Amino acid sequence: MAVWKTLWCRNLLAMSLLFCVLLHTMDVHARPANMSAAKEKSPASKDDNEILPPDHLNGVKMEMDGHLNKDFHQEVFLGKEIEEFEEDSEPRRNRKKLIDIFTKVDFNKDRSVSAKEMQRWIMEKTDEHFQEAMVENKNSFRAVDPDGDGHVTWDEYRVKFLASKGFNEKEIAEKIKNNEDLKLDEETQEVLESLKDRWFQADNPPSDQLLNEQEFLSFLHPEHSRGMLKYMVKEIVRDLDQDGDKKLTLSEFISLPVGTVENQQAQDIDDDWVRERKKEFEDVIDSDRDGIVTMEELEEYMDPMNEHNALNEAKQMIAVADENQNHNLELDEILKYSEYFTGSKLMDYARNVHEEF
């Protein structure tokens, strides 16, 4: 009997371990192979990569890798306050914050938000992200400009980048000075080549192969420069364009990368991802509705300071929650759809709405 119990316990443990492994495997394949992972806002990783161009740009509709920014509407509605709305925050406190925001968006104080008022608010919140990026850029620029001469060479930046990757800064600086082989692994070399191309694109004419603080801002945040925004669009089109005509068809825009779908859950997420991109392509990006997206159309779509885009976004945001179909947002509507606007679901959203307002 004791032997039987021992074997039963061992079998139970083995089955439990197998179940955990299967769960982990399902999670790994829970999205298309080329979908961006959820953005981790870790302070540690931010410090490590403060001199690297960020993968995600707040207030820009598309990621650097060509994926749709799933948090865009929250970013342009909340501005720099986006991190205050955490999923585990106390609902009543979040509701009060949302009511405060509503009163600010309601510029004419008629207790409803029009598309024009929402457009004005979106432009203000986008500007907040711009100002935040400029402040961060000052710190990043100081990190790569230790002599404080106001200019950074490619070699100076390369030294700092490799030091952030764990290389000995003095040794790398000496090797670069003597034009010696740095003996870099293939992945690091590829990243450096990509950064170098981007570096020289950010160097405004007449080219002097030096970046000042404003040019360095464009290097880190291409949305701050029309020229760098064009460069970003070209990179995205190059990655998605399958026939080399420098334009995007719907099939090119929604095509998934080569890879296998591991389970039904992953297939469902693939399908959702395709549907979202198809809707965005047809309803928003392809402005002349000819079935083709040109670089000019994509550039207009990507421009965060485009007032026409802000108005379209305002109308879309209102349409999501406009239950009474009056083309405006009332307070009870915005509270009911709080998860869409803030990422945080408020419980008992309608309780005492008018009294609190």
Protein backbone atom coordinates (compact mmCIF):
# COMPACT_ATOMS: atom_id res chain seq x y z
CA MET A 1 0.00 0.00 0.00
CA ALA A 2 2.84 2.44 0.87
CA VAL A 3 4.52 1.73 -2.46
CA TRP A 4 1.21 2.33 -4.30
CA LYS A 5 0.73 5.69 -2.53
CA THR A 6 4.28 6.74 -3.40
CA LEU A 7 3.77 5.90 -7.09
CA TRP A 8 0.39 7.70 -7.11
CA CYS A 9 1.97 10.87 -5.64
CA ARG A 10 4.79 10.79 -8.15
CA ASN A 11 2.35 10.42 -11.05
CA LEU A 12 0.26 13.30 -9.72
CA LEU A 13 3.35 15.52 -9.46
CA ALA A 14 4.44 14.62 -12.99
CA MET A 15 0.99 15.45 -14.39
CA SER A 16 1.01 18.80 -12.56
CA LEU A 17 4.40 19.69 -13.99
CA LEU A 18 3.26 18.71 -17.49
CA PHE A 19 0.13 20.87 -17.13
CA CYS A 20 2.28 23.90 -16.13
CA VAL A 21 4.55 23.37 -19.13
CA LEU A 22 1.54 23.20 -21.46
CA LEU A 23 0.13 26.42 -20.02
CA HIS A 24 3.46 28.14 -20.52
CA THR A 25 3.63 26.91 -24.12
CA MET A 26 0.16 28.22 -24.84
CA ASP A 27 1.09 31.62 -23.47
CA VAL A 28 4.23 31.84 -25.59
CA HIS A 29 2.21 31.34 -28.76
CA ALA A 30 -0.73 33.48 -27.74
CA ARG A 31 -0.13 36.11 -30.44
CA PRO A 32 1.13 36.30 -34.02
CA ALA A 33 4.87 35.85 -34.41
CA ASN A 34 5.38 39.44 -35.48
CA MET A 35 3.09 41.14 -32.96
CA SER A 36 4.78 43.47 -30.48
CA ALA A 37 4.80 42.16 -26.96
CA ALA A 38 2.96 44.21 -24.35
CA LYS A 39 5.06 47.21 -23.49
CA GLU A 40 6.91 46.68 -20.22
CA LYS A 41 7.38 49.96 -18.45
CA SER A 42 10.31 48.91 -16.32
CA PRO A 43 12.39 51.75 -14.89
CA ALA A 44 15.50 49.58 -14.96
CA SER A 45 15.24 48.81 -18.68
CA LYS A 46 14.56 52.49 -19.39
CA ASP A 47 17.82 53.51 -17.69
CA ASP A 48 19.76 50.86 -19.60
CA ASN A 49 18.38 52.00 -22.96
CA GLU A 50 18.07 55.76 -22.46
CA ILE A 51 20.48 56.44 -25.34
CA LEU A 52 18.69 54.02 -27.67
CA PRO A 53 15.73 55.00 -29.85
CA PRO A 54 12.63 53.60 -28.11
CA ASP A 55 10.61 50.86 -29.81
CA HIS A 56 7.40 52.58 -28.73
CA LEU A 57 6.52 56.24 -29.33
CA ASN A 58 3.72 57.69 -27.20
CA GLY A 59 1.03 59.45 -29.21
CA VAL A 60 2.08 57.90 -32.55
CA LYS A 61 -0.40 55.59 -34.27
CA MET A 62 2.07 52.99 -35.41
CA GLU A 63 5.02 51.28 -33.75
CA MET A 64 8.53 51.40 -35.20
CA ASP A 65 8.09 47.80 -36.43
CA GLY A 66 4.88 48.59 -38.32
CA HIS A 67 2.38 47.31 -35.78
CA LEU A 68 -0.60 49.37 -34.71
CA ASN A 69 -0.21 51.17 -31.39
CA LYS A 70 -2.91 49.42 -29.38
CA ASP A 71 -2.76 52.08 -26.63
CA PHE A 72 -2.92 55.10 -28.94
CA HIS A 73 -6.37 56.36 -27.97
CA GLN A 74 -5.51 56.08 -24.28
CA GLU A 75 -2.23 57.94 -24.80
CA VAL A 76 -3.87 60.86 -26.62
CA PHE A 77 -6.74 61.01 -24.13
CA LEU A 78 -4.69 60.81 -20.91
CA GLY A 79 -1.39 62.37 -21.97
CA LYS A 80 1.30 62.14 -19.30
CA GLU A 81 -1.31 60.94 -16.79
CA ILE A 82 -1.61 57.57 -18.54
CA GLU A 83 0.49 55.74 -15.95
CA GLU A 84 -1.81 56.94 -13.14
CA PHE A 85 -4.61 54.71 -14.43
CA GLU A 86 -3.36 51.30 -13.40
CA GLU A 87 -5.53 48.22 -13.57
CA ASP A 88 -5.26 47.58 -9.85
CA SER A 89 -6.00 51.19 -8.83
CA GLU A 90 -8.96 51.87 -6.56
CA PRO A 91 -11.98 52.30 -8.91
CA ARG A 92 -13.53 55.21 -7.04
CA ARG A 93 -10.30 57.18 -7.21
CA ASN A 94 -9.96 56.49 -10.93
CA ARG A 95 -13.56 57.54 -11.48
CA LYS A 96 -12.85 60.87 -9.80
CA LYS A 97 -9.81 61.38 -12.04
CA LEU A 98 -11.92 60.62 -15.11
CA ILE A 99 -14.60 63.08 -14.01
CA ASP A 100 -11.89 65.74 -13.59
CA ILE A 101 -10.63 65.03 -17.10
CA PHE A 102 -14.16 65.26 -18.50
CA THR A 103 -14.63 68.74 -17.00
CA LYS A 104 -11.37 69.86 -18.63
CA VAL A 105 -12.24 68.43 -22.05
CA ASP A 106 -15.67 70.09 -21.84
CA PHE A 107 -14.23 73.47 -22.74
CA ASN A 108 -17.55 75.35 -23.07
CA LYS A 109 -18.96 73.76 -19.87
CA ASP A 110 -22.18 72.50 -21.46
CA ARG A 111 -21.78 69.07 -19.83
CA SER A 112 -21.05 67.31 -23.12
CA VAL A 113 -17.92 66.86 -25.23
CA SER A 114 -18.04 67.63 -28.96
CA ALA A 115 -15.64 66.37 -31.61
CA LYS A 116 -13.97 69.79 -31.76
CA GLU A 117 -13.45 69.82 -28.00
CA MET A 118 -12.01 66.30 -28.11
CA GLN A 119 -9.76 67.29 -31.02
CA ARG A 120 -8.42 70.24 -29.03
CA TRP A 121 -7.79 67.96 -26.04
CA ILE A 122 -6.01 65.32 -28.17
CA MET A 123 -3.65 67.97 -29.56
CA GLU A 124 -2.87 69.17 -26.02
CA LYS A 125 -2.17 65.64 -24.76
CA THR A 126 -0.01 64.86 -27.79
CA ASP A 127 2.00 67.98 -27.07
CA GLU A 128 2.48 66.72 -23.50
CA HIS A 129 4.12 63.58 -24.88
CA PHE A 130 6.31 65.79 -27.07
CA GLN A 131 7.41 67.90 -24.10
CA GLU A 132 8.10 64.78 -22.06
CA ALA A 133 10.30 63.39 -24.84
CA MET A 134 12.24 66.65 -25.00
CA VAL A 135 12.96 66.57 -21.26
CA GLU A 136 14.11 62.95 -21.48
CA ASN A 137 16.24 63.83 -24.50
CA LYS A 138 18.19 66.44 -22.51
CA ASN A 139 19.28 63.74 -20.05
CA SER A 140 20.07 61.28 -22.83
CA PHE A 141 22.10 63.87 -24.74
CA ARG A 142 24.16 64.68 -21.65
CA ALA A 143 24.91 60.96 -21.31
CA VAL A 144 26.47 60.82 -24.80
CA ASP A 145 28.06 64.29 -24.68
CA PRO A 146 30.33 64.05 -21.64
CA ASP A 147 32.58 66.92 -22.75
CA GLY A 148 29.55 69.18 -23.01
CA ASP A 149 30.52 70.75 -26.34
CA GLY A 150 26.94 70.49 -27.62
CA HIS A 151 27.79 68.04 -30.41
CA VAL A 152 28.15 64.27 -30.55
CA THR A 153 30.07 62.31 -33.15
CA TRP A 154 29.02 58.88 -34.35
CA ASP A 155 32.11 57.38 -32.68
CA GLU A 156 31.24 59.02 -29.35
CA TYR A 157 27.74 57.60 -29.54
CA ARG A 158 29.03 54.18 -30.62
CA VAL A 159 31.26 53.99 -27.54
CA LYS A 160 28.37 54.81 -25.21
CA PHE A 161 26.05 52.36 -26.95
CA LEU A 162 28.51 49.48 -26.68
CA ALA A 163 29.25 50.39 -23.06
CA SER A 164 25.52 50.08 -22.35
CA LYS A 165 25.73 46.58 -23.82
CA GLY A 166 28.41 45.54 -21.32
CA PHE A 167 31.58 46.31 -23.30
CA ASN A 168 34.47 48.02 -21.56
CA GLU A 169 34.11 51.71 -22.46
CA LYS A 170 37.83 52.57 -22.34
CA GLU A 171 38.83 49.54 -24.41
CA ILE A 172 36.17 50.23 -27.04
CA ALA A 173 37.15 53.92 -27.23
CA GLU A 174 40.80 52.97 -27.72
CA LYS A 175 40.01 50.42 -30.44
CA ILE A 176 37.82 52.90 -32.31
CA LYS A 177 40.51 55.56 -32.02
CA ASN A 178 43.09 53.14 -33.48
CA ASN A 179 40.62 51.84 -36.10
CA GLU A 180 40.90 48.29 -34.73
CA ASP A 181 38.39 45.46 -35.22
CA LEU A 182 35.84 45.59 -32.40
CA LYS A 183 35.07 41.84 -32.68
CA LEU A 184 31.33 42.29 -32.23
CA ASP A 185 28.79 39.49 -32.46
CA GLU A 186 26.52 39.48 -35.51
CA GLU A 187 23.42 40.76 -33.70
CA THR A 188 25.20 43.74 -32.13
CA GLN A 189 26.81 44.58 -35.48
CA GLU A 190 23.41 44.58 -37.20
CA VAL A 191 21.94 46.90 -34.55
CA LEU A 192 24.92 49.25 -34.96
CA GLU A 193 24.50 49.36 -38.73
CA SER A 194 20.82 50.22 -38.35
CA LEU A 195 21.61 52.92 -35.79
CA LYS A 196 24.34 54.36 -38.02
CA ASP A 197 21.92 54.71 -40.94
CA ARG A 198 19.41 56.41 -38.66
CA TRP A 199 22.15 58.63 -37.19
CA PHE A 200 23.12 60.09 -40.56
CA GLN A 201 19.45 60.54 -41.51
CA ALA A 202 19.04 62.72 -38.40
CA ASP A 203 22.04 64.87 -39.37
CA ASN A 204 20.38 67.90 -40.94
CA PRO A 205 22.00 69.48 -44.03
CA PRO A 206 24.62 70.67 -44.45
CA SER A 207 25.80 67.33 -43.12
CA ASP A 208 28.68 67.58 -40.65
CA GLN A 209 28.41 64.03 -39.21
CA LEU A 210 27.70 65.58 -35.80
CA LEU A 211 24.38 65.69 -33.97
CA ASN A 212 23.37 68.61 -31.78
CA GLU A 213 20.68 68.25 -29.11
CA GLN A 214 17.79 68.91 -31.51
CA GLU A 215 19.14 66.45 -34.08
CA PHE A 216 19.67 63.89 -31.34
CA LEU A 217 16.01 64.34 -30.39
CA SER A 218 15.08 63.49 -33.97
CA PHE A 219 17.38 60.46 -33.81
CA LEU A 220 15.59 59.12 -30.71
CA HIS A 221 12.10 60.41 -31.58
CA PRO A 222 11.49 60.61 -35.35
CA GLU A 223 8.01 62.04 -34.74
CA HIS A 224 9.70 65.35 -33.83
CA SER A 225 11.12 65.85 -37.32
CA ARG A 226 9.35 65.77 -40.67
CA GLY A 227 12.48 64.39 -42.32
CA MET A 228 12.85 61.60 -39.76
CA LEU A 229 9.14 60.83 -39.94
CA LYS A 230 9.63 60.26 -43.68
CA TYR A 231 12.57 57.97 -42.86
CA MET A 232 10.45 56.01 -40.37
CA VAL A 233 7.70 55.58 -42.96
CA LYS A 234 10.20 54.37 -45.56
CA GLU A 235 11.52 51.76 -43.11
CA ILE A 236 8.01 50.51 -42.32
CA VAL A 237 7.05 50.32 -46.01
CA ARG A 238 10.29 48.53 -46.82
CA ASP A 239 9.51 45.86 -44.21
CA LEU A 240 5.91 45.31 -45.36
CA ASP A 241 6.21 45.88 -49.13
CA GLN A 242 6.40 42.48 -50.82
CA ASP A 243 6.56 43.48 -54.50
CA GLY A 244 8.99 46.40 -54.16
CA ASP A 245 6.70 49.10 -55.57
CA LYS A 246 7.10 51.27 -52.42
CA LYS A 247 3.36 51.15 -51.80
CA LEU A 248 1.20 48.93 -49.62
CA THR A 249 -1.81 46.89 -50.67
CA LEU A 250 -4.29 45.57 -48.12
CA SER A 251 -2.88 42.05 -48.42
CA GLU A 252 0.64 43.33 -47.74
CA PHE A 253 -0.53 45.35 -44.76
CA ILE A 254 -2.40 42.51 -43.09
CA SER A 255 -0.11 39.60 -44.02
CA LEU A 256 1.31 37.64 -41.11
CA PRO A 257 4.95 36.58 -41.06
CA VAL A 258 6.07 33.09 -41.90
CA GLY A 259 5.28 30.86 -38.92
CA THR A 260 2.89 28.22 -37.69
CA VAL A 261 -0.13 28.71 -35.50
CA GLU A 262 0.32 26.42 -32.52
CA ASN A 263 -3.23 26.25 -31.19
CA GLN A 264 -6.76 27.61 -31.61
CA GLN A 265 -6.16 30.38 -29.10
CA ALA A 266 -3.27 31.69 -31.20
CA GLN A 267 -5.38 31.37 -34.36
CA ASP A 268 -8.15 33.47 -32.80
CA ILE A 269 -5.66 36.20 -31.88
CA ASP A 270 -4.18 36.09 -35.38
CA ASP A 271 -7.69 36.60 -36.79
CA ASP A 272 -8.37 39.56 -34.47
CA TRP A 273 -5.03 41.11 -35.43
CA VAL A 274 -5.85 40.83 -39.15
CA ARG A 275 -9.33 42.30 -38.65
CA GLU A 276 -7.95 45.30 -36.75
CA ARG A 277 -5.34 46.05 -39.42
CA LYS A 278 -7.88 45.61 -42.24
CA LYS A 279 -10.26 48.09 -40.61
CA GLU A 280 -7.47 50.62 -39.98
CA PHE A 281 -6.20 50.30 -43.57
CA GLU A 282 -9.60 50.73 -45.19
CA ASP A 283 -11.20 53.26 -42.82
CA VAL A 284 -8.27 55.49 -41.87
CA ILE A 285 -4.91 55.08 -43.63
CA ASP A 286 -6.10 54.73 -47.24
CA SER A 287 -7.48 58.27 -47.36
CA ASP A 288 -8.46 58.24 -51.06
CA ARG A 289 -10.01 54.74 -50.80
CA ASP A 290 -8.18 53.38 -53.85
CA GLY A 291 -6.98 50.21 -52.12
CA ILE A 292 -3.36 51.38 -52.10
CA VAL A 293 -1.49 53.17 -49.31
CA THR A 294 1.29 55.43 -50.54
CA MET A 295 4.19 56.72 -48.47
CA GLU A 296 2.51 60.13 -48.42
CA GLU A 297 -0.71 58.66 -47.00
CA LEU A 298 1.19 56.68 -44.38
CA GLU A 299 3.21 59.76 -43.44
CA GLU A 300 0.05 61.80 -42.90
CA TYR A 301 -1.40 58.96 -40.84
CA MET A 302 1.76 58.74 -38.70
CA ASP A 303 2.10 62.49 -38.09
CA PRO A 304 1.06 63.01 -34.44
CA MET A 305 0.55 66.77 -34.89
CA ASN A 306 -1.81 66.43 -37.85
CA GLU A 307 -4.99 68.28 -36.81
CA HIS A 308 -7.13 66.43 -39.38
CA ASN A 309 -6.02 63.12 -37.87
CA ALA A 310 -6.80 64.44 -34.40
CA LEU A 311 -10.34 65.33 -35.48
CA ASN A 312 -10.87 61.89 -37.03
CA GLU A 313 -9.56 60.26 -33.85
CA ALA A 314 -11.90 62.45 -31.78
CA LYS A 315 -14.89 61.33 -33.84
CA GLN A 316 -13.89 57.68 -33.56
CA MET A 317 -13.45 57.93 -29.79
CA ILE A 318 -16.85 59.56 -29.40
CA ALA A 319 -18.52 56.97 -31.63
CA VAL A 320 -17.34 54.15 -29.37
CA ALA A 321 -19.24 55.45 -26.35
CA ASP A 322 -21.99 57.56 -27.94
CA GLU A 323 -24.96 55.46 -26.85
CA ASN A 324 -27.57 58.18 -27.40
CA GLN A 325 -26.20 58.87 -30.90
CA ASN A 326 -26.01 62.66 -30.48
CA HIS A 327 -22.38 62.80 -31.70
CA ASN A 328 -21.24 64.12 -28.31
CA LEU A 329 -20.00 62.44 -25.15
CA GLU A 330 -21.81 62.79 -21.85
CA LEU A 331 -20.24 62.02 -18.51
CA ASP A 332 -22.16 58.79 -17.94
CA GLU A 333 -21.06 57.52 -21.36
CA ILE A 334 -17.39 58.18 -20.78
CA LEU A 335 -17.58 56.55 -17.34
CA LYS A 336 -19.37 53.51 -18.73
CA TYR A 337 -16.65 53.07 -21.37
CA SER A 338 -13.79 53.94 -19.02
CA GLU A 339 -11.80 50.86 -20.00
CA TYR A 340 -11.59 52.09 -23.59
CA PHE A 341 -10.45 55.59 -22.59
CA THR A 342 -8.15 54.74 -19.68
CA GLY A 343 -7.43 51.00 -19.76
CA SER A 344 -9.05 50.81 -16.30
CA LYS A 345 -12.53 49.41 -15.75
CA LEU A 346 -14.59 51.37 -13.22
CA MET A 347 -17.16 49.53 -11.16
CA ASP A 348 -20.57 51.14 -10.45
CA TYR A 349 -19.72 53.80 -13.03
CA ALA A 350 -23.16 55.42 -12.96
CA ARG A 351 -23.47 55.65 -9.20
CA ASN A 352 -23.94 59.25 -8.12
CA VAL A 353 -22.58 60.50 -11.46
CA HIS A 354 -24.57 63.72 -11.48
CA GLU A 355 -23.98 64.42 -7.80
CA GLU A 356 -20.21 64.02 -8.18
CA PHE A 357 -20.18 66.07 -11.38
